[in-house]
Amino acid sequence: MNFLKITTFAIFLLFSTSCQSIQKKENSKEEKETKKTIAKLTQEDLDKYKTAYFASGCFWCVEAIFESVKGVKEAVSGYAGGTEENPTYQQVGGGMTSHVEAVEVYYDPEVISFTQLVQVFFGSHDPTLLNRQGPDRGPQYRSVAFYQTEEEKVIIEAYMGALNDQNVYYGDPITTQVTELTKFWVAEDYHQDYEKKHPKNSYITNVSIPRLNRFKENFRDYLKEEEH
C-alpha cells in the first residue's frame, strides 16, 4: 500500500476547493432539508445488516468509496465523535463542534468482514495526515476508526500495528484515532449520495472521483460487479 504516499494523496494537494466551500454554494432550499430518509431501503431492511463507522475526510468521498464495495448495502453520511446534540453541517464543517464527518456503513458479514472494511478504510486515505485530508482542513476531517465492541477495537489496533510494522508509510506516524462510537447523527438529505447526484460539481470531479478511481484500481477484488 506504499502507493498511498506516492500518488494517491499528492494530487489532492493541487486543489484548493474544499468540501465545505462547495457546499456554501448550495441553494437555500437544499440547506433547509432535514434528516435523510434512506432511499429505496427502509430502516427495517437495513436492520438486517451490521454497521461500521469510519471518518477519513469529506464524507462525500468516503460514502462513495464504501458504496462501491461488495457486501456493503448502504453507506450514510453523518456526524460522529462529538458531544454536541443535533449537529448541522454548517456547524460541523465550520469547526464549531467536536464532531467529525463520518459514514455509517451497512454491510453483510457473510460477504465482507469488518477486518476487510478496516482495510478499505486505511487503503482509501492517508492516515498519517493530522486533521486534514486532501484540500479539507480542520479536526472535522480527522481520520477516525470507530468501534462498537472490544473485538472491533482489537481488529483496528492490530491492523494499524501491522501497517506500522511493515513501514507502509515510510516511518510517518499514523494519526488515526480509534474511538468508541457513542452516537451517529445522520447528515442532511442533500449530502446523501452527493457524488452520484452532482457528478459535474468541481469538488466531485477534481477530488472525489479521482480518489474513488484510485481506490478501485488498487482494490479490484473488493468491488461490486457493476463497479468494475
Protein backbone atom coordinates (compact mmCIF):
# COMPACT_ATOMS: atom_id res chain seq x y z
CA MET A 1 0.00 0.00 0.00
CA ASN A 2 3.02 2.27 -0.41
CA PHE A 3 1.27 3.84 -3.38
CA LEU A 4 -0.65 5.96 -0.89
CA LYS A 5 2.32 8.22 -0.18
CA ILE A 6 3.49 8.40 -3.79
CA THR A 7 0.40 9.04 -5.87
CA THR A 8 -2.94 8.86 -4.12
CA PHE A 9 -2.70 11.99 -1.98
CA ALA A 10 -0.16 14.20 -3.68
CA ILE A 11 -2.78 15.01 -6.31
CA PHE A 12 -5.24 16.12 -3.64
CA LEU A 13 -2.97 18.96 -2.62
CA LEU A 14 -3.28 20.51 -6.06
CA PHE A 15 -6.84 21.53 -5.37
CA SER A 16 -7.77 24.41 -3.11
CA THR A 17 -11.54 23.91 -3.32
CA SER A 18 -12.85 22.19 -0.21
CA CYS A 19 -15.93 20.16 0.59
CA GLN A 20 -17.15 22.95 2.90
CA SER A 21 -16.67 25.80 0.44
CA ILE A 22 -18.52 23.96 -2.30
CA GLN A 23 -21.46 23.31 -0.02
CA LYS A 24 -21.81 27.01 0.71
CA LYS A 25 -22.86 27.43 -2.92
CA GLU A 26 -25.84 25.07 -2.49
CA ASN A 27 -29.16 26.89 -2.72
CA SER A 28 -31.25 27.79 0.30
CA LYS A 29 -33.84 25.12 -0.44
CA GLU A 30 -31.22 22.40 -0.03
CA GLU A 31 -29.93 24.00 3.15
CA LYS A 32 -33.38 23.74 4.70
CA GLU A 33 -33.58 19.97 4.09
CA THR A 34 -33.76 17.91 7.25
CA LYS A 35 -32.52 14.41 8.01
CA LYS A 36 -32.26 11.71 5.40
CA THR A 37 -34.97 9.20 4.58
CA ILE A 38 -32.88 6.41 3.11
CA ALA A 39 -33.99 5.94 -0.48
CA LYS A 40 -35.35 2.55 -1.54
CA LEU A 41 -34.38 0.91 1.76
CA THR A 42 -36.43 1.10 4.92
CA GLN A 43 -34.79 1.03 8.31
CA GLU A 44 -36.33 -2.41 8.72
CA ASP A 45 -34.43 -3.52 5.62
CA LEU A 46 -31.18 -2.05 6.92
CA ASP A 47 -31.59 -3.61 10.35
CA LYS A 48 -30.75 -6.94 8.71
CA TYR A 49 -27.17 -5.74 8.25
CA LYS A 50 -24.29 -4.98 10.58
CA THR A 51 -22.92 -1.47 10.84
CA ALA A 52 -19.43 0.02 10.88
CA TYR A 53 -18.36 3.65 11.20
CA PHE A 54 -15.40 5.47 9.67
CA ALA A 55 -14.17 9.02 9.05
CA SER A 56 -11.46 9.96 6.56
CA GLY A 57 -12.11 13.40 5.18
CA CYS A 58 -15.14 14.75 3.35
CA PHE A 59 -17.98 12.28 3.74
CA TRP A 60 -18.99 12.70 0.11
CA CYS A 61 -15.81 10.85 -0.85
CA VAL A 62 -15.94 8.27 1.91
CA GLU A 63 -19.56 7.35 1.25
CA ALA A 64 -18.88 6.74 -2.44
CA ILE A 65 -15.88 4.54 -1.68
CA PHE A 66 -17.71 2.25 0.72
CA GLU A 67 -20.77 2.04 -1.53
CA SER A 68 -18.53 0.61 -4.28
CA VAL A 69 -17.51 -2.30 -2.04
CA LYS A 70 -19.17 -5.70 -2.34
CA GLY A 71 -21.22 -6.68 0.67
CA VAL A 72 -22.00 -3.05 1.51
CA LYS A 73 -25.71 -2.42 1.20
CA GLU A 74 -25.72 1.26 2.09
CA ALA A 75 -23.39 4.00 3.30
CA VAL A 76 -24.88 7.02 5.05
CA SER A 77 -23.15 10.36 5.56
CA GLY A 78 -23.31 11.89 9.01
CA TYR A 79 -21.51 13.14 12.09
CA ALA A 80 -19.85 11.27 14.95
CA GLY A 81 -17.17 11.56 17.58
CA GLY A 82 -18.56 14.73 19.18
CA THR A 83 -20.57 15.70 22.20
CA GLU A 84 -22.95 18.33 20.85
CA GLU A 85 -26.59 17.41 20.22
CA ASN A 86 -28.18 17.62 16.76
CA PRO A 87 -25.15 18.94 14.88
CA THR A 88 -25.67 20.56 11.49
CA TYR A 89 -23.35 20.63 8.50
CA GLN A 90 -22.70 24.32 8.88
CA GLN A 91 -21.63 23.75 12.48
CA VAL A 92 -19.51 20.67 11.85
CA GLY A 93 -17.99 21.88 8.58
CA GLY A 94 -17.22 25.22 10.19
CA GLY A 95 -15.34 23.56 13.04
CA MET A 96 -17.87 24.72 15.63
CA THR A 97 -18.41 21.26 17.13
CA SER A 98 -16.22 18.35 18.21
CA HIS A 99 -17.74 16.06 15.58
CA VAL A 100 -16.11 14.62 12.51
CA GLU A 101 -17.68 13.98 9.12
CA ALA A 102 -18.27 10.23 9.13
CA VAL A 103 -20.11 7.43 7.34
CA GLU A 104 -22.34 4.68 8.65
CA VAL A 105 -21.71 1.51 6.65
CA TYR A 106 -24.39 -1.20 6.45
CA TYR A 107 -22.74 -4.46 5.42
CA ASP A 108 -23.34 -8.17 5.10
CA PRO A 109 -20.70 -10.00 7.20
CA GLU A 110 -21.21 -13.12 5.09
CA VAL A 111 -19.85 -11.21 2.09
CA ILE A 112 -17.32 -8.84 3.64
CA SER A 113 -15.83 -8.84 7.11
CA PHE A 114 -15.18 -5.97 9.49
CA THR A 115 -11.45 -6.61 9.01
CA GLN A 116 -11.83 -6.10 5.27
CA LEU A 117 -13.75 -2.88 5.85
CA VAL A 118 -10.86 -1.69 8.01
CA GLN A 119 -8.54 -2.48 5.09
CA VAL A 120 -10.78 -0.42 2.80
CA PHE A 121 -10.66 2.43 5.30
CA PHE A 122 -6.87 2.53 5.61
CA GLY A 123 -6.38 1.85 1.91
CA SER A 124 -8.53 4.74 0.71
CA HIS A 125 -6.97 7.69 2.52
CA ASP A 126 -3.72 8.85 4.10
CA PRO A 127 -3.96 8.10 7.84
CA THR A 128 -0.73 9.94 8.59
CA LEU A 129 -2.27 13.35 7.88
CA LEU A 130 -3.38 15.12 11.04
CA ASN A 131 -6.73 16.91 10.89
CA ARG A 132 -6.84 17.09 7.13
CA GLN A 133 -7.45 15.07 4.00
CA GLY A 134 -6.94 16.38 0.51
CA PRO A 135 -7.96 20.05 0.36
CA ASP A 136 -10.07 19.82 3.53
CA ARG A 137 -8.57 21.13 6.74
CA GLY A 138 -9.65 21.00 10.37
CA PRO A 139 -10.38 18.42 13.08
CA GLN A 140 -13.77 17.79 11.49
CA TYR A 141 -11.84 15.98 8.73
CA ARG A 142 -9.62 13.92 11.02
CA SER A 143 -9.09 10.20 10.48
CA VAL A 144 -11.16 8.08 12.88
CA ALA A 145 -11.95 4.37 13.00
CA PHE A 146 -14.89 3.85 15.32
CA TYR A 147 -15.55 0.63 17.21
CA GLN A 148 -18.71 -0.69 18.83
CA THR A 149 -17.24 -3.77 20.50
CA GLU A 150 -13.92 -4.72 22.03
CA GLU A 151 -13.43 -7.18 19.19
CA GLU A 152 -13.66 -4.38 16.64
CA LYS A 153 -11.22 -2.29 18.65
CA VAL A 154 -8.72 -5.16 18.67
CA ILE A 155 -9.07 -5.62 14.90
CA ILE A 156 -8.47 -1.92 14.18
CA GLU A 157 -5.47 -1.65 16.50
CA ALA A 158 -3.95 -4.88 15.19
CA TYR A 159 -4.24 -3.67 11.61
CA MET A 160 -2.70 -0.32 12.49
CA GLY A 161 0.13 -2.18 14.20
CA ALA A 162 0.72 -4.26 11.08
CA LEU A 163 0.89 -1.14 8.92
CA ASN A 164 3.46 0.38 11.26
CA ASP A 165 5.48 -2.85 11.46
CA GLN A 166 5.63 -3.04 7.67
CA ASN A 167 6.61 0.65 7.49
CA VAL A 168 3.92 1.22 4.89
CA TYR A 169 4.06 4.97 5.39
CA TYR A 170 7.84 5.31 5.34
CA GLY A 171 8.07 5.93 9.05
CA ASP A 172 5.38 8.59 9.20
CA PRO A 173 3.18 8.01 12.26
CA ILE A 174 -0.45 7.05 11.76
CA THR A 175 -2.65 9.73 13.31
CA THR A 176 -5.93 7.80 13.04
CA GLN A 177 -7.97 7.90 16.22
CA VAL A 178 -9.53 4.66 17.46
CA THR A 179 -12.70 5.81 19.18
CA GLU A 180 -15.74 4.11 20.65
CA LEU A 181 -18.91 5.10 18.83
CA THR A 182 -21.36 6.83 21.12
CA LYS A 183 -23.77 8.45 18.67
CA PHE A 184 -24.09 8.81 14.92
CA TRP A 185 -26.11 11.72 13.60
CA VAL A 186 -27.41 11.34 10.03
CA ALA A 187 -26.44 14.32 7.86
CA GLU A 188 -28.88 16.48 5.94
CA ASP A 189 -30.61 14.86 2.97
CA TYR A 190 -28.71 16.80 0.30
CA HIS A 191 -25.43 15.22 1.43
CA GLN A 192 -26.58 11.66 0.83
CA ASP A 193 -25.24 10.14 -2.41
CA TYR A 194 -23.80 13.56 -3.16
CA GLU A 195 -21.24 12.27 -5.62
CA LYS A 196 -23.88 10.43 -7.66
CA LYS A 197 -26.25 13.42 -7.63
CA HIS A 198 -23.62 16.03 -8.54
CA PRO A 199 -21.14 14.39 -10.95
CA LYS A 200 -20.19 17.74 -12.51
CA ASN A 201 -19.56 19.53 -9.22
CA SER A 202 -15.96 20.83 -9.25
CA TYR A 203 -15.05 19.19 -5.92
CA ILE A 204 -16.51 15.89 -7.12
CA THR A 205 -14.68 15.93 -10.45
CA ASN A 206 -11.35 17.14 -9.02
CA VAL A 207 -11.23 15.32 -5.69
CA SER A 208 -13.94 12.73 -5.04
CA ILE A 209 -13.98 10.84 -8.34
CA PRO A 210 -10.17 10.66 -8.69
CA ARG A 211 -9.96 9.39 -5.10
CA LEU A 212 -12.65 6.78 -5.80
CA ASN A 213 -10.98 5.66 -9.02
CA ARG A 214 -7.61 5.23 -7.34
CA PHE A 215 -9.26 3.12 -4.67
CA LYS A 216 -10.95 0.98 -7.33
CA GLU A 217 -7.68 0.49 -9.17
CA ASN A 218 -5.99 -0.92 -6.08
CA PHE A 219 -8.90 -2.86 -4.55
CA ARG A 220 -10.44 -4.57 -7.56
CA ASP A 221 -11.18 -7.75 -5.64
CA TYR A 222 -13.31 -5.81 -3.17
CA LEU A 223 -15.58 -4.14 -5.74
CA LYS A 224 -19.15 -4.88 -6.65
CA GLU A 225 -19.54 -6.34 -10.13
CA GLU A 226 -21.06 -3.16 -11.54
CA GLU A 227 -18.09 -1.13 -10.28
CA HIS A 228 -15.51 -2.93 -12.40
